[in-house]
């Protein structure tokens, strides 16, 4: 995996922080990682392009009334 992708995945701002966790590529570790992520991806529910109805969703914009104190 590209080091900048790992950086984004871990949420690091500095690449030097990500380099602390980086290791030389090991084919066995890579194979184990890919197998594990494939299992996780197979367990995920696929996204749907059908909208999901929300119960009690306001149909109009709710106005928030502010109290302004002009007694300075």
Protein backbone atom coordinates (compact mmCIF):
# COMPACT_ATOMS: atom_id res chain seq x y z
CA UNK A 1 0.00 0.00 0.00
CA UNK A 2 1.27 3.45 -0.81
CA UNK A 3 2.60 5.29 2.28
CA UNK A 4 0.40 8.34 1.63
CA UNK A 5 -2.69 6.12 1.65
CA UNK A 6 -1.61 4.66 4.96
CA UNK A 7 -1.07 8.22 6.22
CA UNK A 8 -4.64 9.17 5.30
CA UNK A 9 -6.04 5.92 6.68
CA UNK A 10 -4.37 6.54 10.06
CA UNK A 11 -5.28 10.26 10.04
CA UNK A 12 -1.70 11.50 10.34
CA UNK A 13 -0.84 15.05 9.32
CA UNK A 14 2.88 14.36 9.04
CA UNK A 15 4.30 11.55 6.89
CA UNK A 16 7.08 11.17 9.47
CA UNK A 17 4.49 9.95 11.98
CA UNK A 18 3.26 7.35 9.52
CA UNK A 19 6.82 6.21 8.89
CA UNK A 20 7.00 5.09 12.53
CA UNK A 21 4.42 2.42 11.67
CA UNK A 22 5.78 1.55 8.21
CA UNK A 23 7.60 -1.74 7.71
CA UNK A 24 9.46 -3.33 4.84
CA UNK A 25 7.06 -5.30 2.65
CA UNK A 26 6.66 -8.90 3.66
CA UNK A 27 4.72 -11.07 1.20
CA UNK A 28 3.25 -13.24 3.99
CA UNK A 29 2.02 -10.24 5.97
CA UNK A 30 0.55 -8.71 2.81
CA UNK A 31 -1.30 -11.93 1.98
CA UNK A 32 -2.69 -12.14 5.52
CA UNK A 33 -3.78 -8.49 5.36
CA UNK A 34 -5.53 -8.93 2.01
CA UNK A 35 -7.28 -12.09 3.20
CA UNK A 36 -8.51 -10.35 6.36
CA UNK A 37 -9.78 -7.27 4.49
CA UNK A 38 -11.55 -9.49 1.93
CA UNK A 39 -13.40 -11.25 4.76
CA UNK A 40 -14.42 -7.91 6.28
CA UNK A 41 -15.60 -6.57 2.91
CA UNK A 42 -17.72 -9.68 2.31
CA UNK A 43 -19.47 -9.10 5.65
CA UNK A 44 -20.37 -5.51 4.78
CA UNK A 45 -23.90 -4.73 3.65
CA UNK A 46 -23.77 -3.24 0.16
CA UNK A 47 -24.83 0.37 -0.23
CA UNK A 48 -28.24 0.98 -1.69
CA UNK A 49 -29.36 3.69 -4.08
CA UNK A 50 -32.87 3.49 -2.59
CA UNK A 51 -33.69 6.28 -0.10
CA UNK A 52 -34.60 5.23 3.41
CA UNK A 53 -37.66 6.92 4.92
CA UNK A 54 -37.06 8.80 8.16
CA UNK A 55 -39.92 8.74 10.65
CA UNK A 56 -41.04 12.12 12.05
CA UNK A 57 -38.71 14.14 9.84
CA UNK A 58 -39.82 17.80 9.81
CA UNK A 59 -41.42 18.73 6.52
CA UNK A 60 -40.72 22.43 6.97
CA UNK A 61 -37.69 24.29 8.20
CA UNK A 62 -37.96 24.83 11.93
CA UNK A 63 -37.51 28.47 12.87
CA UNK A 64 -35.40 29.19 15.89
CA UNK A 65 -36.50 32.33 17.65
CA UNK A 66 -33.65 34.28 19.19
CA UNK A 67 -34.02 36.69 22.06
CA UNK A 68 -31.94 39.81 21.52
CA UNK A 69 -30.99 41.88 24.54
CA UNK A 70 -30.70 45.54 23.54
CA UNK A 71 -30.46 46.88 27.10
CA UNK A 72 -26.78 47.83 26.96
